[in-house]
Amino acid sequence: MPAHDYTPREALDLLLKKMQERFPSLYDRMKDAIDAGRDVQEKESDTRPRGRTYRKNVPYTDPEALVVALEVLESHLIESRKLIDAANTEFTKVFVAPAKPAEAKGQDAKDLGGEEVRNKDEAKTIEIEVEPETVLEKVNRPNVSLKSTASAELEQLESLFQELKKLIDFTEETHGNAR
């Protein structure tokens, strides 16, 4: 007897519907990951002793697609934050020289006389440039600042995902009986 009152298809549809309503860009990432399918190798079924082997994509089953969608969500909420924390930790360990003024090209950072080199073990601001300098038409999009997340918050999110994974486990317990 199943442990859930819902099917994998119903759970997947509900998750995708909620993502599409609230976070369309995350929904698009989930859909792309699900639509990519699984890469498998198959062998041609001919009478030759050494049949050709080829690769192809097959669609995910509903339980597999649900797992993929949850992995995308987990990557977005947890793994990306861990990467940001790791980058912030590593950048704290290095010296960063100030930007050189246009007229000071060719001089060393120590010869600038203005700003000092930022110290090691000092927090640095890390940003992703959303609109690179090379675009033809500037829209003036702001840079995205990468801020660290409290480890307690990450631990709470990780425990939440452990509970979510239990909710999408559709294996039936046989209690030692054969199926």
Protein backbone atom coordinates (compact mmCIF):
# COMPACT_ATOMS: atom_id res chain seq x y z
CA MET A 1 0.00 0.00 0.00
CA PRO A 2 1.46 3.39 -0.95
CA ALA A 3 2.49 5.69 1.88
CA HIS A 4 1.18 8.78 0.05
CA ASP A 5 -2.25 10.05 -0.96
CA TYR A 6 -0.85 11.43 -4.22
CA THR A 7 0.96 10.14 -7.27
CA PRO A 8 4.35 11.30 -8.52
CA ARG A 9 2.59 12.99 -11.47
CA GLU A 10 0.29 14.96 -9.16
CA ALA A 11 3.21 16.04 -6.97
CA LEU A 12 5.27 17.09 -10.01
CA ASP A 13 2.37 19.01 -11.55
CA LEU A 14 1.70 20.84 -8.28
CA LEU A 15 5.38 21.73 -7.81
CA LEU A 16 5.72 23.00 -11.39
CA LYS A 17 2.47 24.97 -11.15
CA LYS A 18 3.60 26.70 -7.93
CA MET A 19 7.02 27.48 -9.41
CA GLN A 20 5.49 28.89 -12.58
CA GLU A 21 3.19 31.16 -10.56
CA ARG A 22 5.79 32.42 -8.09
CA PHE A 23 9.23 32.03 -9.68
CA PRO A 24 9.00 31.83 -13.49
CA SER A 25 12.77 31.81 -14.07
CA LEU A 26 13.23 28.91 -11.65
CA TYR A 27 10.30 27.14 -13.30
CA ASP A 28 12.09 27.50 -16.66
CA ARG A 29 15.25 25.93 -15.20
CA MET A 30 13.22 23.03 -13.78
CA LYS A 31 11.41 22.48 -17.08
CA ASP A 32 14.69 22.54 -19.02
CA ALA A 33 16.25 19.97 -16.67
CA ILE A 34 13.21 17.69 -16.88
CA ASP A 35 12.85 18.05 -20.66
CA ALA A 36 16.53 17.17 -21.17
CA GLY A 37 15.75 13.61 -20.11
CA ARG A 38 18.17 10.88 -19.26
CA ASP A 39 21.13 9.92 -21.48
CA VAL A 40 21.23 6.16 -22.15
CA GLN A 41 23.25 3.82 -24.34
CA GLU A 42 21.43 1.30 -26.47
CA LYS A 43 22.58 -1.45 -28.75
CA GLU A 44 21.18 -2.00 -32.23
CA SER A 45 19.08 -5.11 -32.39
CA ASP A 46 20.40 -6.76 -35.50
CA THR A 47 21.84 -10.19 -36.12
CA ARG A 48 25.47 -9.10 -36.35
CA PRO A 49 27.61 -10.37 -33.48
CA ARG A 50 28.89 -6.90 -32.68
CA GLY A 51 25.93 -4.57 -32.89
CA ARG A 52 26.47 -0.84 -32.87
CA THR A 53 26.01 1.01 -29.63
CA TYR A 54 24.51 4.48 -29.66
CA ARG A 55 23.39 7.11 -27.15
CA LYS A 56 20.00 8.68 -26.93
CA ASN A 57 17.90 10.70 -24.53
CA VAL A 58 14.84 9.13 -23.00
CA PRO A 59 12.23 11.05 -21.02
CA TYR A 60 12.24 10.79 -17.26
CA THR A 61 9.55 8.80 -15.55
CA ASP A 62 7.30 10.85 -13.26
CA PRO A 63 9.17 9.86 -10.07
CA GLU A 64 12.52 10.62 -11.75
CA ALA A 65 11.25 13.99 -13.03
CA LEU A 66 10.06 14.87 -9.52
CA VAL A 67 13.52 14.09 -8.14
CA VAL A 68 15.15 16.22 -10.88
CA ALA A 69 12.81 19.15 -10.13
CA LEU A 70 13.63 18.93 -6.43
CA GLU A 71 17.37 18.78 -7.22
CA VAL A 72 17.06 22.00 -9.26
CA LEU A 73 15.28 23.65 -6.34
CA GLU A 74 17.90 22.38 -3.90
CA SER A 75 20.69 23.62 -6.16
CA HIS A 76 19.07 27.05 -6.36
CA LEU A 77 18.40 27.40 -2.62
CA ILE A 78 21.28 25.55 -0.97
CA GLU A 79 24.19 24.71 -3.25
CA SER A 80 24.43 28.18 -4.79
CA ARG A 81 24.55 29.69 -1.29
CA LYS A 82 27.29 27.27 -0.29
CA LEU A 83 29.29 28.33 -3.34
CA ILE A 84 28.85 31.99 -2.43
CA ASP A 85 29.97 31.28 1.14
CA ALA A 86 33.02 29.40 -0.14
CA ALA A 87 33.90 32.25 -2.53
CA ASN A 88 33.52 34.82 0.25
CA THR A 89 35.72 32.74 2.54
CA GLU A 90 38.43 32.41 -0.11
CA PHE A 91 38.31 36.10 -1.12
CA THR A 92 38.69 37.09 2.52
CA LYS A 93 42.09 35.36 2.50
CA VAL A 94 43.58 37.47 -0.32
CA PHE A 95 44.84 41.01 -0.80
CA VAL A 96 42.92 43.16 -3.28
CA ALA A 97 44.50 46.24 -4.85
CA PRO A 98 42.34 49.28 -5.59
CA ALA A 99 41.34 50.12 -9.14
CA LYS A 100 43.94 52.18 -10.98
CA PRO A 101 42.88 55.59 -12.24
CA ALA A 102 43.06 56.03 -16.02
CA GLU A 103 46.12 58.31 -15.86
CA ALA A 104 48.05 55.89 -13.62
CA LYS A 105 48.28 53.03 -16.14
CA GLY A 106 51.59 51.27 -16.01
CA GLN A 107 52.29 52.16 -12.37
CA ASP A 108 52.31 49.68 -9.53
CA ALA A 109 49.46 49.72 -6.98
CA LYS A 110 51.89 50.87 -4.27
CA ASP A 111 52.86 53.92 -6.38
CA LEU A 112 49.30 55.23 -6.63
CA GLY A 113 49.51 57.11 -3.36
CA GLY A 114 45.71 57.20 -3.00
CA GLU A 115 43.87 54.13 -1.79
CA GLU A 116 45.70 51.42 0.06
CA VAL A 117 45.63 47.75 -0.78
CA ARG A 118 42.71 46.06 1.04
CA ASN A 119 44.00 43.83 3.77
CA LYS A 120 43.98 40.12 4.00
CA ASP A 121 41.26 38.77 6.33
CA GLU A 122 39.01 41.70 5.45
CA ALA A 123 35.58 41.07 3.93
CA LYS A 124 35.40 41.95 0.24
CA THR A 125 32.34 42.87 -1.81
CA ILE A 126 31.73 40.27 -4.51
CA GLU A 127 29.38 41.15 -7.33
CA ILE A 128 28.35 39.60 -10.63
CA GLU A 129 28.20 42.06 -13.47
CA VAL A 130 24.79 41.46 -15.04
CA GLU A 131 25.32 43.89 -17.90
CA PRO A 132 28.86 43.62 -19.28
CA GLU A 133 30.60 46.64 -20.73
CA THR A 134 30.54 45.14 -24.22
CA VAL A 135 26.75 45.21 -24.77
CA LEU A 136 25.57 47.47 -27.57
CA GLU A 137 22.52 48.88 -25.81
CA LYS A 138 22.91 49.55 -22.10
CA VAL A 139 19.86 48.96 -19.91
CA ASN A 140 21.75 49.90 -16.71
CA ARG A 141 20.95 46.73 -14.81
CA PRO A 142 22.41 46.70 -11.32
CA ASN A 143 25.11 44.19 -10.41
CA VAL A 144 24.12 41.21 -8.27
CA SER A 145 25.86 41.22 -4.91
CA LEU A 146 26.83 37.81 -3.50
CA LYS A 147 26.18 37.85 0.23
CA SER A 148 26.93 35.05 2.67
CA THR A 149 24.13 33.12 4.33
CA ALA A 150 24.10 32.23 8.01
CA SER A 151 25.08 28.60 8.54
CA ALA A 152 22.02 28.07 10.76
CA GLU A 153 19.77 29.10 7.88
CA LEU A 154 21.57 26.70 5.51
CA GLU A 155 21.28 23.86 8.02
CA GLN A 156 17.57 24.57 8.37
CA LEU A 157 17.13 24.50 4.58
CA GLU A 158 19.09 21.25 4.33
CA SER A 159 16.91 19.58 6.97
CA LEU A 160 13.82 20.85 5.14
CA PHE A 161 15.05 19.22 1.94
CA GLN A 162 15.69 15.95 3.77
CA GLU A 163 12.03 15.98 4.83
CA LEU A 164 10.92 16.86 1.29
CA LYS A 165 12.87 13.92 -0.08
CA LYS A 166 10.91 11.61 2.21
CA LEU A 167 7.68 12.98 0.73
CA ILE A 168 8.70 12.03 -2.81
CA ASP A 169 9.86 8.50 -1.98
CA PHE A 170 7.30 6.29 -3.72
CA THR A 171 8.89 2.91 -3.01
CA GLU A 172 6.52 0.55 -1.30
CA GLU A 173 7.58 -1.26 1.82
CA THR A 174 7.10 -5.01 1.48
CA HIS A 175 7.82 -5.83 5.14
CA GLY A 176 9.76 -8.90 4.04
CA ASN A 177 6.99 -10.23 1.79
CA ALA A 178 7.56 -10.97 -1.87
CA ARG A 179 5.69 -8.80 -4.32
